[in-house]
Every structure is written in C-alpha cells, then in structure tokens.
Amino acid sequence: MENPEVLLKRRRNADQTRLAKQALAQQRKNTKRVKKNKFVRPESLVAKTLATTREKERIRRVSKTRGEGSEFILRVRGGDSKEDGSEGEMQTEKVAYDGKPQLLLVVRVRGPTAVNIPHKAYKVLQVLRLVHLNQGVFFRLTAQTFDLLRIVAPYVVVGEPSLSCVRSLVQKRGRVTWNGKQDVLLNDNTMVEEALGEHGIICIEDVVHEIASLGPAFKQCCFFLKPFQLSRQVSGFGALQKLKKLELREQDGERQLSNAAAAPIIEVDIDELVAKMN
C-alpha cells in the first residue's frame, strides 16, 4: 500500500497541471479574441490596398514584356570601407543575361512593405519551394526559367555560389525526407546511395559536385534536399543588434526598387550572405 503522503502529493500535482492547462487555454482564447477585434487604422488598409495593387500591376507588366530585351540582372555590391570602419554606399550595375545555364542560390527575403503577395507570385514561390523567409534553394538559371525569377524579384535575392559555399550548405544545412520522417539531417552516405544511386551518386560529395557543376542529375539532387532554412542575419535585442537591424532595413529599402516592367533580379555576394546566415 502506497504512502498517503505520496498519494496526496500526486493528486496535488495533477490538480496543478489541470489548472495550468485550463489557464493556458483561456489565455489563448483571450489572445485570439483580442487579435480578432484588433483596431486597424484606415491609413493601413489604404496603404496595403495601394501597395498590393501596384504589385499586381508589376506582375502584369512582367508577364506582358516577357522576352522583350529585359533579361538583365542588377548586381549589387557593398561600397568600400571608410576610414571610420563603416561601409560606403552600395553600388549597382546592370548585367545582361546571355542565356547560358548558370547555377544560382535563391534566398527568400522580406518583400515590399504592406503588400499581400499576389496569387501568381505566391504560386511561383511555392514552385521554387520558398514558402518561408530565409529559405534558400539551388536554381538552374536558363532563358526559359528567367521569367520565373522576374515574377518573384521583390521577394528573393540571388547569387552565384562558389564550390565551398555549396559544400558548406549541403554539409551543415542539408536535410532530407528519410524513413517516413520529414526532416532528417543529411549525415550518412547510405541515404544518398539509396535515393540517388541509380544516377551514379553514392555520397554527399557527389551531391556537392553534381550541383556545383550543373550535372545531368542536378534536378534529382536539388529535390532530394529540402530547402535550406538559414538563420537570421541579426538576432537578439541588445543595442548593437538593434543598430544592425536598422542598417539592414536601410539596405532593404535600397534594394526595393520601383514596380517598373523591367523588374530586375537582384544579385548579391551570396557567399558573404550565406556566411552570415549559415
């Protein structure tokens, strides 16, 4: 027979757990009610409507001007460092795309302010598997796939990764679906051999080489890997972190361009960006 004190303590703990669950459920219900009845300023509704309308118009223009000499990439580079240690102004350069296949790393970033992503752009992001912020995928840029990036240009940045960048992403952030589990770290060559052995790829290094060289099994390797979920560039709530966040917002403001029909694709130093977010 158990000690009565043990039974009383067990009942007391069970009551405390039950009351805590009830309090948490009530708190969540109150939070939902507050969000539902949250006051929204008319100015916010007007701004969101206008921004979304402009974005829909941009997509319509991009679709209309498809293949009419607007195949160029806007290359963005940081300015030279000043004497006080701060960076200079960002430099931009228009680079024409020659139509040759090119390896790109496409990273999802925050889009224009107060914009509800139009249906067509969101569908393209789903095709690219870039549903969440700070996700990245490898992409084969060709004359046929160029227009896909033009549609989602405000929501992504691109760059040509080096071999070391590809290897770092696959080894550190590579995750796959394995044995019914949706998210498993890629740390065993057996996974690669069973999934891609029929294409002659038997180890992780083969995957890296196939992606970096745009090999015949590039598509299979990319879809074998889940999208890379990168970290935020700045995390924390300290004074320095807040200052860095403000600087990043200014850079994002410079990156967001007009809704012209050209809709340039923004190319950045992707190795430097991945080094900050990997």
C-alpha atoms as a PDB file:
ATOM      1  CA  MET A   1       0.000   0.000   0.000  1.00  0.00           C
ATOM      2  CA  GLU A   2       1.358   3.410  -1.009  1.00  0.00           C
ATOM      3  CA  ASN A   3       2.144   6.117   1.488  1.00  0.00           C
ATOM      4  CA  PRO A   4      -0.802   8.529   1.943  1.00  0.00           C
ATOM      5  CA  GLU A   5       1.551  11.500   1.655  1.00  0.00           C
ATOM      6  CA  VAL A   6       2.713  10.280  -1.755  1.00  0.00           C
ATOM      7  CA  LEU A   7      -0.903   9.927  -2.910  1.00  0.00           C
ATOM      8  CA  LEU A   8      -1.763  13.428  -1.704  1.00  0.00           C
ATOM      9  CA  LYS A   9       1.281  14.919  -3.449  1.00  0.00           C
ATOM     10  CA  ARG A  10       0.390  13.109  -6.667  1.00  0.00           C
ATOM     11  CA  ARG A  11      -3.198  14.396  -6.557  1.00  0.00           C
ATOM     12  CA  ARG A  12      -1.967  17.924  -5.789  1.00  0.00           C
ATOM     13  CA  ASN A  13       0.405  17.847  -8.761  1.00  0.00           C
ATOM     14  CA  ALA A  14      -2.365  16.539 -11.012  1.00  0.00           C
ATOM     15  CA  ASP A  15      -4.667  19.371  -9.903  1.00  0.00           C
ATOM     16  CA  GLN A  16      -1.951  21.952 -10.525  1.00  0.00           C
ATOM     17  CA  THR A  17      -1.306  20.555 -14.006  1.00  0.00           C
ATOM     18  CA  ARG A  18      -5.019  20.596 -14.820  1.00  0.00           C
ATOM     19  CA  LEU A  19      -5.432  24.192 -13.609  1.00  0.00           C
ATOM     20  CA  ALA A  20      -2.348  25.306 -15.547  1.00  0.00           C
ATOM     21  CA  LYS A  21      -3.744  23.770 -18.754  1.00  0.00           C
ATOM     22  CA  GLN A  22      -7.083  25.482 -18.201  1.00  0.00           C
ATOM     23  CA  ALA A  23      -5.370  28.846 -17.625  1.00  0.00           C
ATOM     24  CA  LEU A  24      -3.273  28.417 -20.762  1.00  0.00           C
ATOM     25  CA  ALA A  25      -6.332  27.530 -22.847  1.00  0.00           C
ATOM     26  CA  GLN A  26      -8.194  30.592 -21.533  1.00  0.00           C
ATOM     27  CA  GLN A  27      -5.189  32.800 -22.270  1.00  0.00           C
ATOM     28  CA  ARG A  28      -5.019  31.557 -25.842  1.00  0.00           C
ATOM     29  CA  LYS A  29      -8.752  32.148 -26.259  1.00  0.00           C
ATOM     30  CA  ASN A  30      -8.406  35.729 -24.979  1.00  0.00           C
ATOM     31  CA  THR A  31      -5.437  36.325 -27.303  1.00  0.00           C
ATOM     32  CA  LYS A  32      -7.453  35.154 -30.311  1.00  0.00           C
ATOM     33  CA  ARG A  33     -10.331  37.425 -29.278  1.00  0.00           C
ATOM     34  CA  VAL A  34      -8.002  40.423 -28.997  1.00  0.00           C
ATOM     35  CA  LYS A  35      -6.470  39.713 -32.410  1.00  0.00           C
ATOM     36  CA  LYS A  36      -9.908  39.326 -33.936  1.00  0.00           C
ATOM     37  CA  ASN A  37     -11.128  42.634 -32.516  1.00  0.00           C
ATOM     38  CA  LYS A  38      -7.838  44.478 -33.050  1.00  0.00           C
ATOM     39  CA  PHE A  39      -8.325  48.003 -34.330  1.00  0.00           C
ATOM     40  CA  VAL A  40      -6.813  48.640 -37.757  1.00  0.00           C
ATOM     41  CA  ARG A  41      -6.236  52.196 -38.876  1.00  0.00           C
ATOM     42  CA  PRO A  42      -7.833  53.208 -42.185  1.00  0.00           C
ATOM     43  CA  GLU A  43      -4.438  54.504 -43.341  1.00  0.00           C
ATOM     44  CA  SER A  44      -3.022  50.985 -43.005  1.00  0.00           C
ATOM     45  CA  LEU A  45      -5.822  49.487 -45.075  1.00  0.00           C
ATOM     46  CA  VAL A  46      -5.390  52.117 -47.796  1.00  0.00           C
ATOM     47  CA  ALA A  47      -1.597  51.651 -47.867  1.00  0.00           C
ATOM     48  CA  LYS A  48      -1.928  47.875 -48.098  1.00  0.00           C
ATOM     49  CA  THR A  49      -4.510  48.127 -50.875  1.00  0.00           C
ATOM     50  CA  LEU A  50      -2.402  50.546 -52.931  1.00  0.00           C
ATOM     51  CA  ALA A  51       0.802  48.526 -52.457  1.00  0.00           C
ATOM     52  CA  THR A  52      -0.917  45.285 -53.437  1.00  0.00           C
ATOM     53  CA  THR A  53      -2.475  46.937 -56.497  1.00  0.00           C
ATOM     54  CA  ARG A  54       0.936  48.218 -57.633  1.00  0.00           C
ATOM     55  CA  GLU A  55       2.424  44.760 -57.150  1.00  0.00           C
ATOM     56  CA  LYS A  56      -0.316  43.140 -59.236  1.00  0.00           C
ATOM     57  CA  GLU A  57       0.306  45.719 -61.939  1.00  0.00           C
ATOM     58  CA  ARG A  58       4.040  44.936 -61.841  1.00  0.00           C
ATOM     59  CA  ILE A  59       3.370  41.229 -62.344  1.00  0.00           C
ATOM     60  CA  ARG A  60       1.010  42.012 -65.229  1.00  0.00           C
ATOM     61  CA  ARG A  61       3.711  44.125 -66.895  1.00  0.00           C
ATOM     62  CA  VAL A  62       6.361  41.461 -66.349  1.00  0.00           C
ATOM     63  CA  SER A  63       4.133  38.858 -67.984  1.00  0.00           C
ATOM     64  CA  LYS A  64       3.389  41.214 -70.855  1.00  0.00           C
ATOM     65  CA  THR A  65       7.057  42.110 -71.552  1.00  0.00           C
ATOM     66  CA  ARG A  66       8.302  38.528 -71.398  1.00  0.00           C
ATOM     67  CA  GLY A  67      11.320  38.022 -73.635  1.00  0.00           C
ATOM     68  CA  GLU A  68      11.443  41.603 -74.927  1.00  0.00           C
ATOM     69  CA  GLY A  69      15.034  42.552 -74.148  1.00  0.00           C
ATOM     70  CA  SER A  70      14.564  42.886 -70.369  1.00  0.00           C
ATOM     71  CA  GLU A  71      16.769  39.906 -69.469  1.00  0.00           C
ATOM     72  CA  PHE A  72      19.240  41.579 -67.156  1.00  0.00           C
ATOM     73  CA  ILE A  73      20.320  41.215 -63.546  1.00  0.00           C
ATOM     74  CA  LEU A  74      21.003  44.103 -61.205  1.00  0.00           C
ATOM     75  CA  ARG A  75      24.260  43.310 -59.445  1.00  0.00           C
ATOM     76  CA  VAL A  76      24.527  44.915 -56.011  1.00  0.00           C
ATOM     77  CA  ARG A  77      27.883  45.265 -54.305  1.00  0.00           C
ATOM     78  CA  GLY A  78      28.738  46.893 -50.989  1.00  0.00           C
ATOM     79  CA  GLY A  79      30.864  50.033 -51.121  1.00  0.00           C
ATOM     80  CA  ASP A  80      34.466  50.222 -49.984  1.00  0.00           C
ATOM     81  CA  SER A  81      35.075  50.529 -46.262  1.00  0.00           C
ATOM     82  CA  LYS A  82      35.664  54.055 -44.987  1.00  0.00           C
ATOM     83  CA  GLU A  83      38.350  55.213 -42.561  1.00  0.00           C
ATOM     84  CA  ASP A  84      35.950  55.089 -39.598  1.00  0.00           C
ATOM     85  CA  GLY A  85      35.212  51.409 -40.297  1.00  0.00           C
ATOM     86  CA  SER A  86      31.759  51.915 -41.799  1.00  0.00           C
ATOM     87  CA  GLU A  87      30.850  50.735 -45.258  1.00  0.00           C
ATOM     88  CA  GLY A  88      30.280  53.066 -48.157  1.00  0.00           C
ATOM     89  CA  GLU A  89      27.215  53.331 -50.347  1.00  0.00           C
ATOM     90  CA  MET A  90      26.044  50.267 -52.205  1.00  0.00           C
ATOM     91  CA  GLN A  91      26.957  50.127 -55.877  1.00  0.00           C
ATOM     92  CA  THR A  92      24.620  48.747 -58.532  1.00  0.00           C
ATOM     93  CA  GLU A  93      25.387  47.547 -62.041  1.00  0.00           C
ATOM     94  CA  LYS A  94      23.106  46.192 -64.757  1.00  0.00           C
ATOM     95  CA  VAL A  95      24.411  42.928 -66.214  1.00  0.00           C
ATOM     96  CA  ALA A  96      22.782  41.454 -69.318  1.00  0.00           C
ATOM     97  CA  TYR A  97      21.954  37.772 -69.178  1.00  0.00           C
ATOM     98  CA  ASP A  98      23.358  35.821 -72.132  1.00  0.00           C
ATOM     99  CA  GLY A  99      21.004  32.834 -71.790  1.00  0.00           C
ATOM    100  CA  LYS A 100      23.667  30.297 -70.781  1.00  0.00           C
ATOM    101  CA  PRO A 101      22.808  27.868 -67.941  1.00  0.00           C
ATOM    102  CA  GLN A 102      24.048  29.247 -64.640  1.00  0.00           C
ATOM    103  CA  LEU A 103      23.949  27.977 -61.058  1.00  0.00           C
ATOM    104  CA  LEU A 104      22.223  30.327 -58.634  1.00  0.00           C
ATOM    105  CA  LEU A 105      21.347  30.188 -54.979  1.00  0.00           C
ATOM    106  CA  VAL A 106      17.951  31.834 -54.494  1.00  0.00           C
ATOM    107  CA  VAL A 107      17.185  33.093 -50.974  1.00  0.00           C
ATOM    108  CA  ARG A 108      13.754  34.269 -49.853  1.00  0.00           C
ATOM    109  CA  VAL A 109      13.808  37.708 -48.220  1.00  0.00           C
ATOM    110  CA  ARG A 110      11.203  40.111 -46.928  1.00  0.00           C
ATOM    111  CA  GLY A 111       9.234  41.665 -49.764  1.00  0.00           C
ATOM    112  CA  PRO A 112       7.843  45.191 -50.210  1.00  0.00           C
ATOM    113  CA  THR A 113       6.204  46.791 -47.200  1.00  0.00           C
ATOM    114  CA  ALA A 114       2.453  46.281 -46.661  1.00  0.00           C
ATOM    115  CA  VAL A 115       1.988  44.011 -49.691  1.00  0.00           C
ATOM    116  CA  ASN A 116      -0.231  40.969 -49.820  1.00  0.00           C
ATOM    117  CA  ILE A 117       1.652  38.651 -52.155  1.00  0.00           C
ATOM    118  CA  PRO A 118      -0.431  38.191 -55.333  1.00  0.00           C
ATOM    119  CA  HIS A 119      -1.587  34.712 -56.230  1.00  0.00           C
ATOM    120  CA  LYS A 120       0.704  34.318 -59.243  1.00  0.00           C
ATOM    121  CA  ALA A 121       3.834  35.337 -57.330  1.00  0.00           C
ATOM    122  CA  TYR A 122       2.930  33.071 -54.422  1.00  0.00           C
ATOM    123  CA  LYS A 123       2.460  30.123 -56.783  1.00  0.00           C
ATOM    124  CA  VAL A 124       5.931  30.717 -58.222  1.00  0.00           C
ATOM    125  CA  LEU A 125       7.375  30.837 -54.697  1.00  0.00           C
ATOM    126  CA  GLN A 126       5.661  27.517 -53.997  1.00  0.00           C
ATOM    127  CA  VAL A 127       7.160  26.014 -57.159  1.00  0.00           C
ATOM    128  CA  LEU A 128      10.580  27.237 -56.045  1.00  0.00           C
ATOM    129  CA  ARG A 129       9.859  25.835 -52.535  1.00  0.00           C
ATOM    130  CA  LEU A 130      10.483  29.239 -50.949  1.00  0.00           C
ATOM    131  CA  VAL A 131       7.399  29.483 -48.772  1.00  0.00           C
ATOM    132  CA  HIS A 132       9.145  30.828 -45.650  1.00  0.00           C
ATOM    133  CA  LEU A 133      11.599  33.655 -45.064  1.00  0.00           C
ATOM    134  CA  ASN A 134      15.338  32.919 -45.125  1.00  0.00           C
ATOM    135  CA  GLN A 135      14.893  29.729 -47.124  1.00  0.00           C
ATOM    136  CA  GLY A 136      17.311  29.008 -49.941  1.00  0.00           C
ATOM    137  CA  VAL A 137      17.374  26.612 -52.892  1.00  0.00           C
ATOM    138  CA  PHE A 138      19.753  25.922 -55.751  1.00  0.00           C
ATOM    139  CA  PHE A 139      18.376  27.001 -59.108  1.00  0.00           C
ATOM    140  CA  ARG A 140      19.470  26.429 -62.714  1.00  0.00           C
ATOM    141  CA  LEU A 141      19.034  29.758 -64.488  1.00  0.00           C
ATOM    142  CA  THR A 142      18.207  29.416 -68.179  1.00  0.00           C
ATOM    143  CA  ALA A 143      16.414  31.505 -70.781  1.00  0.00           C
ATOM    144  CA  GLN A 144      13.225  29.535 -70.021  1.00  0.00           C
ATOM    145  CA  THR A 145      13.378  29.900 -66.219  1.00  0.00           C
ATOM    146  CA  PHE A 146      14.469  33.545 -66.186  1.00  0.00           C
ATOM    147  CA  ASP A 147      10.882  34.807 -66.213  1.00  0.00           C
ATOM    148  CA  LEU A 148      10.069  32.863 -63.042  1.00  0.00           C
ATOM    149  CA  LEU A 149      12.644  34.882 -61.119  1.00  0.00           C
ATOM    150  CA  ARG A 150      11.401  38.128 -62.655  1.00  0.00           C
ATOM    151  CA  ILE A 151       7.920  37.472 -61.248  1.00  0.00           C
ATOM    152  CA  VAL A 152       9.212  36.996 -57.691  1.00  0.00           C
ATOM    153  CA  ALA A 153      12.081  39.511 -57.958  1.00  0.00           C
ATOM    154  CA  PRO A 154      10.999  41.669 -54.951  1.00  0.00           C
ATOM    155  CA  TYR A 155      10.851  38.625 -52.669  1.00  0.00           C
ATOM    156  CA  VAL A 156      14.213  36.976 -53.400  1.00  0.00           C
ATOM    157  CA  VAL A 157      17.899  37.711 -53.828  1.00  0.00           C
ATOM    158  CA  VAL A 158      20.171  35.556 -55.946  1.00  0.00           C
ATOM    159  CA  GLY A 159      23.863  34.934 -56.349  1.00  0.00           C
ATOM    160  CA  GLU A 160      26.306  32.527 -57.927  1.00  0.00           C
ATOM    161  CA  PRO A 161      27.667  30.335 -55.100  1.00  0.00           C
ATOM    162  CA  SER A 162      31.211  29.050 -55.019  1.00  0.00           C
ATOM    163  CA  LEU A 163      32.071  25.384 -54.570  1.00  0.00           C
ATOM    164  CA  SER A 164      32.933  25.944 -50.903  1.00  0.00           C
ATOM    165  CA  CYS A 165      29.564  27.653 -50.367  1.00  0.00           C
ATOM    166  CA  VAL A 166      27.692  24.718 -51.936  1.00  0.00           C
ATOM    167  CA  ARG A 167      29.650  22.242 -49.814  1.00  0.00           C
ATOM    168  CA  SER A 168      29.061  24.244 -46.627  1.00  0.00           C
ATOM    169  CA  LEU A 169      25.301  24.422 -47.198  1.00  0.00           C
ATOM    170  CA  VAL A 170      24.913  20.732 -48.022  1.00  0.00           C
ATOM    171  CA  GLN A 171      27.041  19.586 -45.081  1.00  0.00           C
ATOM    172  CA  LYS A 172      25.661  21.991 -42.463  1.00  0.00           C
ATOM    173  CA  ARG A 173      22.080  22.613 -43.576  1.00  0.00           C
ATOM    174  CA  GLY A 174      21.309  19.608 -45.744  1.00  0.00           C
ATOM    175  CA  ARG A 175      18.089  17.888 -44.647  1.00  0.00           C
ATOM    176  CA  VAL A 176      16.097  15.179 -46.407  1.00  0.00           C
ATOM    177  CA  THR A 177      12.991  13.039 -46.024  1.00  0.00           C
ATOM    178  CA  TRP A 178      14.088   9.630 -44.747  1.00  0.00           C
ATOM    179  CA  ASN A 179      12.221   6.559 -43.430  1.00  0.00           C
ATOM    180  CA  GLY A 180       8.942   8.434 -43.290  1.00  0.00           C
ATOM    181  CA  LYS A 181      10.440  11.341 -41.342  1.00  0.00           C
ATOM    182  CA  GLN A 182      10.048  14.714 -42.992  1.00  0.00           C
ATOM    183  CA  ASP A 183      13.162  16.425 -41.620  1.00  0.00           C
ATOM    184  CA  VAL A 184      16.339  14.377 -41.148  1.00  0.00           C
ATOM    185  CA  LEU A 185      19.880  15.746 -41.141  1.00  0.00           C
ATOM    186  CA  LEU A 186      21.897  14.502 -44.124  1.00  0.00           C
ATOM    187  CA  ASN A 187      24.854  12.896 -42.351  1.00  0.00           C
ATOM    188  CA  ASP A 188      25.086   9.429 -43.914  1.00  0.00           C
ATOM    189  CA  ASN A 189      26.177   8.378 -47.391  1.00  0.00           C
ATOM    190  CA  THR A 190      23.710   5.476 -47.224  1.00  0.00           C
ATOM    191  CA  MET A 191      20.822   7.944 -47.632  1.00  0.00           C
ATOM    192  CA  VAL A 192      22.394   9.350 -50.786  1.00  0.00           C
ATOM    193  CA  GLU A 193      23.167   5.941 -52.277  1.00  0.00           C
ATOM    194  CA  GLU A 194      19.659   4.570 -51.763  1.00  0.00           C
ATOM    195  CA  ALA A 195      17.967   7.712 -53.110  1.00  0.00           C
ATOM    196  CA  LEU A 196      20.320   8.654 -55.967  1.00  0.00           C
ATOM    197  CA  GLY A 197      22.350   5.513 -56.597  1.00  0.00           C
ATOM    198  CA  GLU A 198      20.652   4.893 -59.935  1.00  0.00           C
ATOM    199  CA  HIS A 199      22.106   8.201 -61.153  1.00  0.00           C
ATOM    200  CA  GLY A 200      25.648   7.256 -60.121  1.00  0.00           C
ATOM    201  CA  ILE A 201      25.624   9.414 -56.967  1.00  0.00           C
ATOM    202  CA  ILE A 202      26.642   7.452 -53.880  1.00  0.00           C
ATOM    203  CA  CYS A 203      27.944  10.010 -51.339  1.00  0.00           C
ATOM    204  CA  ILE A 204      27.430  13.552 -50.111  1.00  0.00           C
ATOM    205  CA  GLU A 205      30.469  14.821 -52.008  1.00  0.00           C
ATOM    206  CA  ASP A 206      28.910  13.507 -55.240  1.00  0.00           C
ATOM    207  CA  VAL A 207      25.818  15.604 -54.487  1.00  0.00           C
ATOM    208  CA  VAL A 208      28.000  18.681 -53.987  1.00  0.00           C
ATOM    209  CA  HIS A 209      29.839  18.073 -57.267  1.00  0.00           C
ATOM    210  CA  GLU A 210      26.627  17.414 -59.217  1.00  0.00           C
ATOM    211  CA  ILE A 211      25.061  20.662 -58.010  1.00  0.00           C
ATOM    212  CA  ALA A 212      28.174  22.802 -58.456  1.00  0.00           C
ATOM    213  CA  SER A 213      28.779  21.506 -61.994  1.00  0.00           C
ATOM    214  CA  LEU A 214      25.102  21.527 -63.106  1.00  0.00           C
ATOM    215  CA  GLY A 215      25.340  17.816 -63.883  1.00  0.00           C
ATOM    216  CA  PRO A 216      22.651  15.681 -65.545  1.00  0.00           C
ATOM    217  CA  ALA A 217      21.197  14.718 -62.139  1.00  0.00           C
ATOM    218  CA  PHE A 218      21.037  18.321 -60.889  1.00  0.00           C
ATOM    219  CA  LYS A 219      17.235  18.300 -60.579  1.00  0.00           C
ATOM    220  CA  GLN A 220      17.183  14.997 -58.671  1.00  0.00           C
ATOM    221  CA  CYS A 221      19.837  16.251 -56.233  1.00  0.00           C
ATOM    222  CA  CYS A 222      18.022  19.531 -55.606  1.00  0.00           C
ATOM    223  CA  PHE A 223      14.676  17.856 -54.911  1.00  0.00           C
ATOM    224  CA  PHE A 224      16.386  15.214 -52.765  1.00  0.00           C
ATOM    225  CA  LEU A 225      17.474  18.078 -50.492  1.00  0.00           C
ATOM    226  CA  LYS A 226      14.866  20.078 -48.643  1.00  0.00           C
ATOM    227  CA  PRO A 227      15.092  23.896 -48.869  1.00  0.00           C
ATOM    228  CA  PHE A 228      17.898  25.235 -46.686  1.00  0.00           C
ATOM    229  CA  GLN A 229      16.485  27.058 -43.675  1.00  0.00           C
ATOM    230  CA  LEU A 230      19.043  29.767 -42.938  1.00  0.00           C
ATOM    231  CA  SER A 231      19.342  31.795 -39.763  1.00  0.00           C
ATOM    232  CA  ARG A 232      18.527  35.471 -39.484  1.00  0.00           C
ATOM    233  CA  GLN A 233      21.399  37.823 -40.173  1.00  0.00           C
ATOM    234  CA  VAL A 234      20.937  39.580 -36.823  1.00  0.00           C
ATOM    235  CA  SER A 235      19.438  38.003 -33.718  1.00  0.00           C
ATOM    236  CA  GLY A 236      18.999  39.400 -30.222  1.00  0.00           C
ATOM    237  CA  PHE A 237      17.561  42.551 -28.670  1.00  0.00           C
ATOM    238  CA  GLY A 238      20.660  44.398 -27.490  1.00  0.00           C
ATOM    239  CA  ALA A 239      21.638  47.918 -28.528  1.00  0.00           C
ATOM    240  CA  LEU A 240      24.156  46.746 -31.137  1.00  0.00           C
ATOM    241  CA  GLN A 241      21.671  44.234 -32.544  1.00  0.00           C
ATOM    242  CA  LYS A 242      19.038  46.958 -32.885  1.00  0.00           C
ATOM    243  CA  LEU A 243      21.534  49.169 -34.706  1.00  0.00           C
ATOM    244  CA  LYS A 244      22.403  46.345 -37.109  1.00  0.00           C
ATOM    245  CA  LYS A 245      18.709  45.691 -37.734  1.00  0.00           C
ATOM    246  CA  LEU A 246      18.203  49.351 -38.643  1.00  0.00           C
ATOM    247  CA  GLU A 247      21.138  49.173 -41.065  1.00  0.00           C
ATOM    248  CA  LEU A 248      19.670  46.062 -42.679  1.00  0.00           C
ATOM    249  CA  ARG A 249      16.312  47.824 -43.044  1.00  0.00           C
ATOM    250  CA  GLU A 250      18.026  50.689 -44.836  1.00  0.00           C
ATOM    251  CA  GLN A 251      19.728  48.227 -47.158  1.00  0.00           C
ATOM    252  CA  ASP A 252      16.383  46.516 -47.806  1.00  0.00           C
ATOM    253  CA  GLY A 253      14.917  49.925 -48.593  1.00  0.00           C
ATOM    254  CA  GLU A 254      17.652  50.485 -51.157  1.00  0.00           C
ATOM    255  CA  ARG A 255      17.067  47.006 -52.571  1.00  0.00           C
ATOM    256  CA  GLN A 256      13.339  47.549 -53.103  1.00  0.00           C
ATOM    257  CA  LEU A 257      13.039  49.210 -56.481  1.00  0.00           C
ATOM    258  CA  SER A 258      10.124  50.581 -58.451  1.00  0.00           C
ATOM    259  CA  ASN A 259       7.382  48.432 -59.886  1.00  0.00           C
ATOM    260  CA  ALA A 260       8.552  49.029 -63.439  1.00  0.00           C
ATOM    261  CA  ALA A 261       8.049  46.398 -66.108  1.00  0.00           C
ATOM    262  CA  ALA A 262      11.795  45.656 -66.138  1.00  0.00           C
ATOM    263  CA  ALA A 263      11.597  44.142 -62.632  1.00  0.00           C
ATOM    264  CA  PRO A 264      15.327  43.418 -62.301  1.00  0.00           C
ATOM    265  CA  ILE A 265      16.579  40.421 -60.385  1.00  0.00           C
ATOM    266  CA  ILE A 266      18.861  41.460 -57.537  1.00  0.00           C
ATOM    267  CA  GLU A 267      22.216  39.671 -57.419  1.00  0.00           C
ATOM    268  CA  VAL A 268      24.282  39.951 -54.239  1.00  0.00           C
ATOM    269  CA  ASP A 269      27.508  38.456 -52.949  1.00  0.00           C
ATOM    270  CA  ILE A 270      25.837  35.195 -51.987  1.00  0.00           C
ATOM    271  CA  ASP A 271      28.940  33.707 -50.349  1.00  0.00           C
ATOM    272  CA  GLU A 272      29.091  36.628 -47.918  1.00  0.00           C
ATOM    273  CA  LEU A 273      25.351  36.431 -47.244  1.00  0.00           C
ATOM    274  CA  VAL A 274      25.463  32.670 -46.571  1.00  0.00           C
ATOM    275  CA  ALA A 275      28.455  33.152 -44.264  1.00  0.00           C
ATOM    276  CA  LYS A 276      26.300  35.468 -42.129  1.00  0.00           C
ATOM    277  CA  MET A 277      23.220  33.227 -42.162  1.00  0.00           C
ATOM    278  CA  ASN A 278      24.682  29.691 -42.187  1.00  0.00           C
END
